[in-house]
N, C-alpha and C. Protein backbone atom coordinates (compact mmCIF):
# COMPACT_ATOMS: atom_id res chain seq x y z
N MET A 1 -17.96 -6.58 8.76
CA MET A 1 -16.76 -6.32 9.52
C MET A 1 -15.60 -6.00 8.58
N LYS A 2 -14.89 -4.98 8.93
CA LYS A 2 -13.69 -4.60 8.19
C LYS A 2 -12.51 -4.83 9.13
N ILE A 3 -11.65 -5.78 8.75
CA ILE A 3 -10.61 -6.27 9.66
C ILE A 3 -9.24 -6.17 9.02
N VAL A 4 -8.25 -5.79 9.83
CA VAL A 4 -6.84 -5.88 9.45
C VAL A 4 -6.20 -6.86 10.41
N LEU A 5 -5.52 -7.88 9.86
CA LEU A 5 -4.74 -8.82 10.67
C LEU A 5 -3.27 -8.48 10.49
N LEU A 6 -2.59 -8.27 11.61
CA LEU A 6 -1.16 -7.96 11.60
C LEU A 6 -0.38 -9.11 12.23
N GLY A 7 0.88 -9.20 11.88
CA GLY A 7 1.76 -10.20 12.45
C GLY A 7 2.81 -10.56 11.43
N PRO A 8 3.93 -11.08 11.88
CA PRO A 8 5.01 -11.43 10.96
C PRO A 8 4.63 -12.60 10.07
N PRO A 9 5.40 -12.81 9.00
CA PRO A 9 5.15 -13.97 8.15
C PRO A 9 5.23 -15.25 8.99
N GLY A 10 4.33 -16.18 8.72
CA GLY A 10 4.32 -17.44 9.45
C GLY A 10 3.54 -17.41 10.75
N ALA A 11 2.94 -16.26 11.08
CA ALA A 11 2.22 -16.13 12.35
C ALA A 11 0.86 -16.82 12.35
N GLY A 12 0.37 -17.17 11.18
CA GLY A 12 -0.94 -17.83 11.10
C GLY A 12 -2.06 -16.91 10.65
N LYS A 13 -1.71 -15.75 10.13
CA LYS A 13 -2.75 -14.80 9.68
C LYS A 13 -3.60 -15.39 8.57
N GLY A 14 -2.96 -16.06 7.62
CA GLY A 14 -3.69 -16.63 6.50
C GLY A 14 -4.67 -17.70 6.95
N THR A 15 -4.26 -18.52 7.89
CA THR A 15 -5.14 -19.56 8.44
C THR A 15 -6.34 -18.93 9.12
N GLN A 16 -6.09 -17.90 9.92
CA GLN A 16 -7.19 -17.23 10.64
C GLN A 16 -8.09 -16.46 9.67
N ALA A 17 -7.49 -15.86 8.66
CA ALA A 17 -8.29 -15.12 7.67
C ALA A 17 -9.24 -16.06 6.95
N GLN A 18 -8.76 -17.24 6.56
CA GLN A 18 -9.62 -18.20 5.86
C GLN A 18 -10.78 -18.65 6.74
N ARG A 19 -10.51 -18.84 8.02
CA ARG A 19 -11.57 -19.22 8.95
C ARG A 19 -12.62 -18.11 9.05
N LEU A 20 -12.16 -16.86 9.12
CA LEU A 20 -13.09 -15.73 9.21
C LEU A 20 -13.91 -15.58 7.94
N VAL A 21 -13.29 -15.87 6.79
CA VAL A 21 -14.03 -15.82 5.52
C VAL A 21 -15.21 -16.79 5.60
N GLU A 22 -14.94 -17.98 6.10
CA GLU A 22 -15.98 -19.02 6.17
C GLU A 22 -17.03 -18.73 7.24
N THR A 23 -16.60 -18.25 8.41
CA THR A 23 -17.54 -18.10 9.52
C THR A 23 -18.26 -16.75 9.54
N ARG A 24 -17.68 -15.74 8.92
CA ARG A 24 -18.26 -14.40 8.99
C ARG A 24 -18.84 -13.92 7.65
N ASN A 25 -18.72 -14.75 6.61
CA ASN A 25 -19.24 -14.38 5.29
C ASN A 25 -18.67 -13.04 4.79
N ILE A 26 -17.34 -12.92 4.93
CA ILE A 26 -16.63 -11.75 4.43
C ILE A 26 -15.55 -12.23 3.48
N VAL A 27 -14.95 -11.32 2.73
CA VAL A 27 -13.92 -11.71 1.77
C VAL A 27 -12.53 -11.33 2.27
N GLN A 28 -11.55 -12.13 1.85
CA GLN A 28 -10.16 -11.83 2.15
C GLN A 28 -9.58 -11.10 0.94
N LEU A 29 -9.02 -9.94 1.18
CA LEU A 29 -8.47 -9.14 0.10
C LEU A 29 -6.95 -9.11 0.19
N SER A 30 -6.31 -9.64 -0.82
CA SER A 30 -4.86 -9.62 -0.91
C SER A 30 -4.46 -8.53 -1.89
N THR A 31 -3.54 -7.66 -1.49
CA THR A 31 -3.14 -6.58 -2.40
C THR A 31 -2.52 -7.14 -3.67
N GLY A 32 -1.77 -8.24 -3.56
CA GLY A 32 -1.19 -8.85 -4.76
C GLY A 32 -2.26 -9.31 -5.72
N ASP A 33 -3.28 -10.00 -5.19
CA ASP A 33 -4.39 -10.46 -6.03
C ASP A 33 -5.14 -9.28 -6.64
N MET A 34 -5.35 -8.22 -5.82
CA MET A 34 -6.08 -7.05 -6.32
C MET A 34 -5.30 -6.36 -7.44
N LEU A 35 -3.99 -6.26 -7.28
CA LEU A 35 -3.16 -5.64 -8.32
C LEU A 35 -3.26 -6.43 -9.63
N ARG A 36 -3.09 -7.74 -9.52
CA ARG A 36 -3.15 -8.58 -10.72
C ARG A 36 -4.52 -8.48 -11.40
N ALA A 37 -5.59 -8.46 -10.60
CA ALA A 37 -6.95 -8.36 -11.16
C ALA A 37 -7.17 -7.02 -11.84
N ALA A 38 -6.69 -5.93 -11.24
CA ALA A 38 -6.86 -4.60 -11.83
C ALA A 38 -6.09 -4.49 -13.15
N VAL A 39 -4.89 -5.09 -13.19
CA VAL A 39 -4.10 -5.07 -14.41
C VAL A 39 -4.81 -5.89 -15.49
N ALA A 40 -5.28 -7.09 -15.11
CA ALA A 40 -5.97 -7.96 -16.07
C ALA A 40 -7.25 -7.32 -16.60
N ALA A 41 -7.95 -6.59 -15.74
CA ALA A 41 -9.22 -5.96 -16.15
C ALA A 41 -8.99 -4.68 -16.95
N GLY A 42 -7.75 -4.18 -16.92
CA GLY A 42 -7.45 -2.96 -17.66
C GLY A 42 -8.12 -1.71 -17.10
N THR A 43 -8.37 -1.71 -15.79
CA THR A 43 -8.97 -0.52 -15.16
C THR A 43 -7.96 0.63 -15.25
N PRO A 44 -8.42 1.88 -15.14
CA PRO A 44 -7.48 3.00 -15.21
C PRO A 44 -6.32 2.85 -14.21
N ILE A 45 -6.64 2.46 -12.98
CA ILE A 45 -5.58 2.30 -11.98
C ILE A 45 -4.73 1.07 -12.30
N GLY A 46 -5.35 0.02 -12.89
CA GLY A 46 -4.61 -1.17 -13.30
C GLY A 46 -3.61 -0.87 -14.40
N ILE A 47 -3.98 0.03 -15.31
CA ILE A 47 -3.08 0.43 -16.40
C ILE A 47 -1.85 1.15 -15.82
N LYS A 48 -2.09 2.02 -14.82
CA LYS A 48 -0.96 2.71 -14.16
C LYS A 48 -0.06 1.69 -13.46
N ALA A 49 -0.68 0.74 -12.75
CA ALA A 49 0.10 -0.26 -12.03
C ALA A 49 0.92 -1.11 -13.00
N LYS A 50 0.33 -1.49 -14.13
CA LYS A 50 1.02 -2.33 -15.11
C LYS A 50 2.26 -1.62 -15.64
N ALA A 51 2.13 -0.33 -15.90
CA ALA A 51 3.28 0.43 -16.42
C ALA A 51 4.44 0.41 -15.41
N VAL A 52 4.11 0.58 -14.14
CA VAL A 52 5.15 0.58 -13.10
C VAL A 52 5.76 -0.81 -12.97
N MET A 53 4.89 -1.84 -12.93
CA MET A 53 5.39 -3.21 -12.75
C MET A 53 6.21 -3.66 -13.96
N ASP A 54 5.77 -3.29 -15.18
CA ASP A 54 6.52 -3.65 -16.39
C ASP A 54 7.90 -3.02 -16.41
N ALA A 55 8.02 -1.85 -15.77
CA ALA A 55 9.32 -1.17 -15.70
C ALA A 55 10.17 -1.70 -14.54
N GLY A 56 9.62 -2.68 -13.79
CA GLY A 56 10.36 -3.28 -12.69
C GLY A 56 10.31 -2.49 -11.41
N GLY A 57 9.41 -1.51 -11.33
CA GLY A 57 9.31 -0.68 -10.14
C GLY A 57 8.32 -1.21 -9.13
N LEU A 58 8.34 -0.60 -7.95
CA LEU A 58 7.37 -0.91 -6.90
C LEU A 58 6.17 0.00 -7.09
N VAL A 59 5.00 -0.57 -6.98
CA VAL A 59 3.76 0.19 -7.15
C VAL A 59 3.63 1.17 -5.98
N SER A 60 3.35 2.44 -6.28
CA SER A 60 3.28 3.48 -5.25
C SER A 60 2.07 3.28 -4.35
N ASP A 61 2.14 3.90 -3.17
CA ASP A 61 1.02 3.85 -2.23
C ASP A 61 -0.25 4.39 -2.87
N ASP A 62 -0.14 5.45 -3.68
CA ASP A 62 -1.33 6.03 -4.32
C ASP A 62 -2.04 5.00 -5.20
N ILE A 63 -1.26 4.25 -5.96
CA ILE A 63 -1.85 3.24 -6.83
C ILE A 63 -2.47 2.12 -6.00
N VAL A 64 -1.76 1.66 -4.97
CA VAL A 64 -2.29 0.59 -4.12
C VAL A 64 -3.58 1.05 -3.44
N ILE A 65 -3.59 2.27 -2.92
CA ILE A 65 -4.80 2.80 -2.27
C ILE A 65 -5.95 2.88 -3.28
N GLY A 66 -5.65 3.28 -4.49
CA GLY A 66 -6.68 3.34 -5.52
C GLY A 66 -7.27 1.97 -5.82
N ILE A 67 -6.40 0.97 -5.87
CA ILE A 67 -6.86 -0.39 -6.14
C ILE A 67 -7.69 -0.91 -4.96
N VAL A 68 -7.26 -0.64 -3.73
CA VAL A 68 -8.03 -1.04 -2.55
C VAL A 68 -9.38 -0.34 -2.57
N SER A 69 -9.38 0.95 -2.89
CA SER A 69 -10.63 1.72 -2.93
C SER A 69 -11.62 1.12 -3.92
N ASP A 70 -11.14 0.83 -5.12
CA ASP A 70 -12.01 0.23 -6.14
C ASP A 70 -12.53 -1.13 -5.68
N ARG A 71 -11.65 -1.92 -5.08
CA ARG A 71 -12.02 -3.30 -4.70
C ARG A 71 -13.06 -3.33 -3.59
N ILE A 72 -12.91 -2.47 -2.58
CA ILE A 72 -13.85 -2.53 -1.46
C ILE A 72 -15.22 -1.97 -1.82
N ASP A 73 -15.32 -1.34 -3.00
CA ASP A 73 -16.63 -0.88 -3.48
C ASP A 73 -17.42 -1.98 -4.17
N GLU A 74 -16.77 -3.13 -4.43
CA GLU A 74 -17.46 -4.22 -5.12
C GLU A 74 -18.47 -4.90 -4.20
N ASN A 75 -19.49 -5.49 -4.82
CA ASN A 75 -20.62 -6.08 -4.07
C ASN A 75 -20.22 -7.11 -3.03
N ASP A 76 -19.21 -7.94 -3.33
CA ASP A 76 -18.87 -9.00 -2.38
C ASP A 76 -18.23 -8.47 -1.09
N CYS A 77 -17.93 -7.17 -1.06
CA CYS A 77 -17.35 -6.57 0.15
C CYS A 77 -18.41 -5.92 1.04
N ARG A 78 -19.67 -6.04 0.66
CA ARG A 78 -20.74 -5.40 1.45
C ARG A 78 -20.77 -5.87 2.89
N ASN A 79 -20.54 -7.17 3.12
CA ASN A 79 -20.55 -7.70 4.49
C ASN A 79 -19.25 -7.41 5.23
N GLY A 80 -18.24 -6.98 4.49
CA GLY A 80 -16.96 -6.68 5.10
C GLY A 80 -15.83 -7.41 4.40
N PHE A 81 -14.63 -7.22 4.95
CA PHE A 81 -13.43 -7.79 4.34
C PHE A 81 -12.32 -7.87 5.35
N ILE A 82 -11.35 -8.72 5.02
CA ILE A 82 -10.11 -8.83 5.77
C ILE A 82 -9.01 -8.39 4.83
N LEU A 83 -8.24 -7.41 5.23
CA LEU A 83 -7.12 -6.97 4.40
C LEU A 83 -5.90 -7.82 4.73
N ASP A 84 -5.33 -8.40 3.69
CA ASP A 84 -4.21 -9.30 3.80
C ASP A 84 -3.02 -8.66 3.08
N GLY A 85 -1.99 -8.33 3.83
CA GLY A 85 -0.81 -7.72 3.23
C GLY A 85 -0.94 -6.22 3.04
N PHE A 86 -1.94 -5.65 3.64
CA PHE A 86 -2.16 -4.20 3.55
C PHE A 86 -2.93 -3.78 4.78
N PRO A 87 -2.57 -2.69 5.42
CA PRO A 87 -1.42 -1.83 5.11
C PRO A 87 -0.10 -2.46 5.55
N ARG A 88 0.96 -2.05 4.86
CA ARG A 88 2.31 -2.53 5.20
C ARG A 88 3.12 -1.47 5.94
N THR A 89 2.70 -0.21 5.80
CA THR A 89 3.44 0.89 6.42
C THR A 89 2.46 1.83 7.13
N VAL A 90 3.00 2.67 7.99
CA VAL A 90 2.17 3.65 8.69
C VAL A 90 1.52 4.60 7.68
N ALA A 91 2.26 4.99 6.64
CA ALA A 91 1.68 5.88 5.62
C ALA A 91 0.47 5.22 4.96
N GLN A 92 0.56 3.91 4.68
CA GLN A 92 -0.57 3.20 4.09
C GLN A 92 -1.74 3.11 5.07
N ALA A 93 -1.43 2.91 6.35
CA ALA A 93 -2.49 2.83 7.37
C ALA A 93 -3.22 4.17 7.48
N GLU A 94 -2.47 5.27 7.44
CA GLU A 94 -3.10 6.60 7.48
C GLU A 94 -3.97 6.82 6.25
N ALA A 95 -3.46 6.41 5.09
CA ALA A 95 -4.23 6.56 3.85
C ALA A 95 -5.49 5.69 3.88
N LEU A 96 -5.39 4.49 4.44
CA LEU A 96 -6.56 3.61 4.56
C LEU A 96 -7.61 4.25 5.46
N ASP A 97 -7.19 4.82 6.58
CA ASP A 97 -8.14 5.50 7.48
C ASP A 97 -8.85 6.63 6.74
N ARG A 98 -8.10 7.42 5.98
CA ARG A 98 -8.70 8.54 5.22
C ARG A 98 -9.68 8.01 4.17
N LEU A 99 -9.26 6.97 3.45
CA LEU A 99 -10.10 6.38 2.42
C LEU A 99 -11.43 5.89 3.00
N LEU A 100 -11.36 5.14 4.09
CA LEU A 100 -12.58 4.62 4.69
C LEU A 100 -13.45 5.76 5.23
N ALA A 101 -12.84 6.79 5.81
CA ALA A 101 -13.60 7.94 6.32
C ALA A 101 -14.34 8.62 5.17
N GLU A 102 -13.68 8.76 4.01
CA GLU A 102 -14.33 9.37 2.84
C GLU A 102 -15.54 8.55 2.39
N LYS A 103 -15.49 7.24 2.65
CA LYS A 103 -16.59 6.35 2.27
C LYS A 103 -17.60 6.21 3.42
N GLY A 104 -17.41 7.00 4.49
CA GLY A 104 -18.31 6.94 5.64
C GLY A 104 -18.17 5.66 6.44
N SER A 105 -16.96 5.12 6.49
CA SER A 105 -16.73 3.84 7.14
C SER A 105 -15.46 3.91 7.98
N ALA A 106 -15.13 2.81 8.62
CA ALA A 106 -13.90 2.70 9.42
C ALA A 106 -13.62 1.22 9.64
N LEU A 107 -12.39 0.93 10.06
CA LEU A 107 -12.05 -0.44 10.41
C LEU A 107 -12.79 -0.83 11.69
N ASP A 108 -13.27 -2.06 11.73
CA ASP A 108 -13.94 -2.57 12.92
C ASP A 108 -12.96 -3.22 13.89
N ALA A 109 -11.88 -3.77 13.35
CA ALA A 109 -10.91 -4.45 14.21
C ALA A 109 -9.53 -4.48 13.56
N ILE A 110 -8.53 -4.23 14.39
CA ILE A 110 -7.14 -4.40 14.00
C ILE A 110 -6.58 -5.38 15.02
N ILE A 111 -6.23 -6.57 14.55
CA ILE A 111 -5.79 -7.64 15.43
C ILE A 111 -4.38 -8.06 15.05
N GLU A 112 -3.49 -8.04 16.04
CA GLU A 112 -2.12 -8.47 15.82
C GLU A 112 -1.93 -9.85 16.43
N VAL A 113 -1.39 -10.77 15.62
CA VAL A 113 -1.07 -12.11 16.09
C VAL A 113 0.39 -12.07 16.55
N ILE A 114 0.57 -12.18 17.87
CA ILE A 114 1.91 -12.09 18.47
C ILE A 114 2.53 -13.49 18.52
N VAL A 115 3.74 -13.62 17.99
CA VAL A 115 4.42 -14.92 17.98
C VAL A 115 5.89 -14.76 18.36
N ASP A 116 6.50 -15.86 18.77
CA ASP A 116 7.91 -15.93 19.07
C ASP A 116 8.65 -16.12 17.74
N GLU A 117 9.41 -15.12 17.34
CA GLU A 117 10.07 -15.19 16.03
C GLU A 117 11.03 -16.37 15.91
N ASP A 118 11.61 -16.80 17.02
CA ASP A 118 12.53 -17.93 16.97
C ASP A 118 11.81 -19.21 16.55
N ILE A 119 10.54 -19.30 16.89
CA ILE A 119 9.78 -20.51 16.58
C ILE A 119 9.20 -20.45 15.15
N LEU A 120 9.14 -19.24 14.58
CA LEU A 120 8.58 -19.10 13.24
C LEU A 120 9.32 -19.94 12.20
N MET A 121 10.64 -20.00 12.31
CA MET A 121 11.41 -20.77 11.33
C MET A 121 10.99 -22.24 11.36
N SER A 122 10.77 -22.79 12.54
CA SER A 122 10.35 -24.19 12.59
C SER A 122 8.94 -24.34 12.02
N ARG A 123 8.10 -23.32 12.18
CA ARG A 123 6.76 -23.36 11.58
C ARG A 123 6.87 -23.41 10.05
N ILE A 124 7.76 -22.61 9.50
CA ILE A 124 7.94 -22.60 8.04
C ILE A 124 8.45 -23.97 7.57
N GLU A 125 9.42 -24.52 8.29
CA GLU A 125 9.94 -25.84 7.92
C GLU A 125 8.84 -26.90 7.98
N ASN A 126 7.98 -26.83 9.01
CA ASN A 126 6.86 -27.77 9.12
C ASN A 126 5.87 -27.57 7.97
N ARG A 127 5.61 -26.30 7.63
CA ARG A 127 4.67 -26.03 6.53
C ARG A 127 5.18 -26.62 5.23
N ILE A 128 6.50 -26.52 4.99
CA ILE A 128 7.10 -27.10 3.79
C ILE A 128 6.92 -28.62 3.79
N LYS A 129 7.22 -29.26 4.92
CA LYS A 129 7.09 -30.73 5.02
C LYS A 129 5.65 -31.16 4.79
N GLU A 130 4.70 -30.47 5.44
CA GLU A 130 3.28 -30.82 5.32
C GLU A 130 2.78 -30.64 3.88
N THR A 131 3.22 -29.55 3.25
CA THR A 131 2.80 -29.29 1.87
C THR A 131 3.32 -30.37 0.94
N LEU A 132 4.60 -30.71 1.10
CA LEU A 132 5.19 -31.75 0.26
C LEU A 132 4.54 -33.11 0.52
N ALA A 133 4.27 -33.43 1.79
CA ALA A 133 3.64 -34.71 2.14
C ALA A 133 2.24 -34.81 1.55
N ALA A 134 1.56 -33.67 1.44
CA ALA A 134 0.21 -33.66 0.88
C ALA A 134 0.22 -33.60 -0.65
N GLY A 135 1.43 -33.56 -1.23
CA GLY A 135 1.54 -33.50 -2.68
C GLY A 135 1.34 -32.12 -3.25
N GLY A 136 1.41 -31.12 -2.38
CA GLY A 136 1.20 -29.74 -2.82
C GLY A 136 2.49 -29.10 -3.29
N GLU A 137 2.34 -27.89 -3.79
CA GLU A 137 3.49 -27.12 -4.27
C GLU A 137 3.90 -26.11 -3.20
N VAL A 138 5.17 -26.10 -2.85
CA VAL A 138 5.69 -25.20 -1.82
C VAL A 138 5.80 -23.79 -2.38
N ARG A 139 5.34 -22.82 -1.59
CA ARG A 139 5.43 -21.42 -2.00
C ARG A 139 6.89 -21.04 -2.21
N LYS A 140 7.15 -20.18 -3.19
CA LYS A 140 8.53 -19.77 -3.49
C LYS A 140 9.19 -19.08 -2.30
N ASP A 141 8.35 -18.38 -1.48
CA ASP A 141 8.93 -17.66 -0.35
C ASP A 141 8.97 -18.50 0.93
N ASP A 142 8.64 -19.78 0.83
CA ASP A 142 8.73 -20.68 1.98
C ASP A 142 10.06 -21.43 1.96
N ASN A 143 11.12 -20.69 2.17
CA ASN A 143 12.42 -21.30 2.37
C ASN A 143 13.16 -20.42 3.37
N PRO A 144 14.13 -20.98 4.10
CA PRO A 144 14.75 -20.23 5.19
C PRO A 144 15.32 -18.87 4.79
N GLU A 145 16.00 -18.78 3.66
CA GLU A 145 16.60 -17.49 3.26
C GLU A 145 15.53 -16.45 2.92
N ALA A 146 14.56 -16.86 2.11
CA ALA A 146 13.49 -15.93 1.75
C ALA A 146 12.71 -15.52 2.99
N PHE A 147 12.49 -16.48 3.89
CA PHE A 147 11.73 -16.18 5.10
C PHE A 147 12.47 -15.14 5.95
N LYS A 148 13.78 -15.30 6.09
CA LYS A 148 14.57 -14.34 6.88
C LYS A 148 14.44 -12.94 6.28
N LYS A 149 14.49 -12.84 4.95
CA LYS A 149 14.34 -11.54 4.28
C LYS A 149 12.95 -10.95 4.54
N ARG A 150 11.92 -11.81 4.47
CA ARG A 150 10.54 -11.35 4.73
C ARG A 150 10.41 -10.86 6.17
N LEU A 151 11.08 -11.54 7.09
CA LEU A 151 11.01 -11.15 8.50
C LEU A 151 11.69 -9.80 8.73
N VAL A 152 12.83 -9.58 8.10
CA VAL A 152 13.52 -8.29 8.21
C VAL A 152 12.65 -7.18 7.64
N ALA A 153 12.06 -7.42 6.46
CA ALA A 153 11.18 -6.42 5.84
C ALA A 153 9.99 -6.13 6.75
N TYR A 154 9.45 -7.18 7.37
CA TYR A 154 8.32 -6.99 8.28
C TYR A 154 8.73 -6.09 9.45
N ARG A 155 9.87 -6.41 10.07
CA ARG A 155 10.33 -5.62 11.24
C ARG A 155 10.53 -4.15 10.86
N GLU A 156 11.12 -3.92 9.69
CA GLU A 156 11.44 -2.54 9.29
C GLU A 156 10.21 -1.76 8.85
N GLN A 157 9.31 -2.39 8.08
CA GLN A 157 8.21 -1.65 7.47
C GLN A 157 6.88 -1.80 8.21
N THR A 158 6.56 -3.02 8.60
CA THR A 158 5.20 -3.30 9.08
C THR A 158 5.08 -3.28 10.60
N ALA A 159 6.10 -3.70 11.32
CA ALA A 159 6.02 -3.73 12.78
C ALA A 159 5.63 -2.37 13.38
N PRO A 160 6.06 -1.23 12.81
CA PRO A 160 5.64 0.06 13.37
C PRO A 160 4.12 0.28 13.36
N LEU A 161 3.39 -0.51 12.58
CA LEU A 161 1.92 -0.40 12.59
C LEU A 161 1.35 -0.72 13.96
N SER A 162 2.01 -1.61 14.70
CA SER A 162 1.53 -1.96 16.04
C SER A 162 1.43 -0.71 16.90
N GLU A 163 2.49 0.06 16.93
CA GLU A 163 2.51 1.29 17.74
C GLU A 163 1.49 2.30 17.20
N PHE A 164 1.41 2.42 15.88
CA PHE A 164 0.46 3.35 15.26
C PHE A 164 -0.97 3.04 15.71
N TYR A 165 -1.38 1.79 15.58
CA TYR A 165 -2.75 1.41 15.95
C TYR A 165 -2.94 1.40 17.47
N ALA A 166 -1.90 1.01 18.22
CA ALA A 166 -2.01 0.99 19.68
C ALA A 166 -2.18 2.40 20.22
N SER A 167 -1.50 3.37 19.59
CA SER A 167 -1.56 4.75 20.10
C SER A 167 -2.97 5.33 20.00
N SER A 168 -3.78 4.78 19.10
CA SER A 168 -5.16 5.26 18.98
C SER A 168 -6.13 4.33 19.73
N GLY A 169 -5.58 3.34 20.43
CA GLY A 169 -6.40 2.43 21.22
C GLY A 169 -7.16 1.40 20.40
N ARG A 170 -6.80 1.25 19.12
CA ARG A 170 -7.55 0.33 18.26
C ARG A 170 -6.96 -1.06 18.16
N LEU A 171 -5.71 -1.23 18.55
CA LEU A 171 -5.02 -2.52 18.38
C LEU A 171 -5.42 -3.50 19.47
N LYS A 172 -5.78 -4.70 19.04
CA LYS A 172 -6.02 -5.83 19.95
C LYS A 172 -5.00 -6.89 19.58
N THR A 173 -4.53 -7.64 20.57
CA THR A 173 -3.53 -8.67 20.30
C THR A 173 -4.02 -10.03 20.76
N VAL A 174 -3.51 -11.05 20.08
CA VAL A 174 -3.75 -12.44 20.48
C VAL A 174 -2.41 -13.16 20.48
N ASP A 175 -2.28 -14.13 21.36
CA ASP A 175 -1.08 -14.95 21.46
C ASP A 175 -1.13 -16.01 20.37
N GLY A 176 -0.36 -15.80 19.32
CA GLY A 176 -0.35 -16.72 18.19
C GLY A 176 0.41 -18.00 18.44
N MET A 177 0.97 -18.17 19.63
CA MET A 177 1.69 -19.40 19.95
C MET A 177 0.74 -20.47 20.47
N GLN A 178 -0.51 -20.12 20.66
CA GLN A 178 -1.53 -21.08 21.10
C GLN A 178 -1.94 -21.95 19.91
N SER A 179 -2.80 -22.91 20.17
CA SER A 179 -3.30 -23.76 19.09
C SER A 179 -4.14 -22.91 18.12
N ILE A 180 -4.28 -23.38 16.89
CA ILE A 180 -5.10 -22.68 15.89
C ILE A 180 -6.51 -22.46 16.44
N LYS A 181 -7.06 -23.49 17.09
CA LYS A 181 -8.41 -23.40 17.64
C LYS A 181 -8.50 -22.30 18.70
N LEU A 182 -7.53 -22.25 19.60
CA LEU A 182 -7.57 -21.24 20.66
C LEU A 182 -7.37 -19.84 20.10
N VAL A 183 -6.47 -19.68 19.13
CA VAL A 183 -6.28 -18.37 18.50
C VAL A 183 -7.59 -17.94 17.84
N SER A 184 -8.27 -18.87 17.18
CA SER A 184 -9.57 -18.57 16.57
C SER A 184 -10.57 -18.09 17.61
N GLU A 185 -10.61 -18.78 18.75
CA GLU A 185 -11.54 -18.39 19.81
C GLU A 185 -11.21 -17.00 20.35
N LEU A 186 -9.92 -16.70 20.51
CA LEU A 186 -9.52 -15.38 21.00
C LEU A 186 -9.91 -14.28 20.02
N ILE A 187 -9.74 -14.55 18.73
CA ILE A 187 -10.14 -13.58 17.71
C ILE A 187 -11.66 -13.39 17.72
N ASP A 188 -12.40 -14.48 17.89
CA ASP A 188 -13.87 -14.38 17.96
C ASP A 188 -14.29 -13.53 19.16
N GLU A 189 -13.59 -13.66 20.28
CA GLU A 189 -13.90 -12.85 21.46
C GLU A 189 -13.72 -11.37 21.14
N ILE A 190 -12.64 -11.05 20.45
CA ILE A 190 -12.37 -9.66 20.09
C ILE A 190 -13.45 -9.14 19.16
N LEU A 191 -13.86 -9.94 18.21
CA LEU A 191 -14.84 -9.50 17.21
C LEU A 191 -16.26 -9.48 17.75
N GLY A 192 -16.49 -10.19 18.85
CA GLY A 192 -17.82 -10.16 19.48
C GLY A 192 -18.85 -11.01 18.78
């Protein structure tokens, strides 16, 4: 299964992705992790990415697509993958469709986790409390100001993906305000 999970920060995509990794024997692919791995491995595309990142720039869509292309060709992706943090824009979604078509493949599911944005802030605050109570380290972007910035970036860049995928009839949605268990069951229904 090749899956894209959409939804704003704090919607529970990471929780659902981890469950799918365990239950479906597929890998979760994070563009940030893939970029760092390509740079560390010194791949041709990793060398290009390193030059851009060292100069303080944003890695171009072409470089990100190249890294995704290389990564999904690896053996552990044979059973499928969940893309985490990609695509972020309609241009990236179009490029992903072209890339998969060139490989004789396509996405099996695009699932959007719909949540009430007003409640997301309390979710982030709870996540911080739970992480600290468990003795864990709080993510740098898990604070109210950073979260608000991430939410604005999501609305401007990523939210248009909903319309893009819906217009082709590929988008499925789940109510992310339900319990984790119920959201998992709804996603399982979509995936069959």
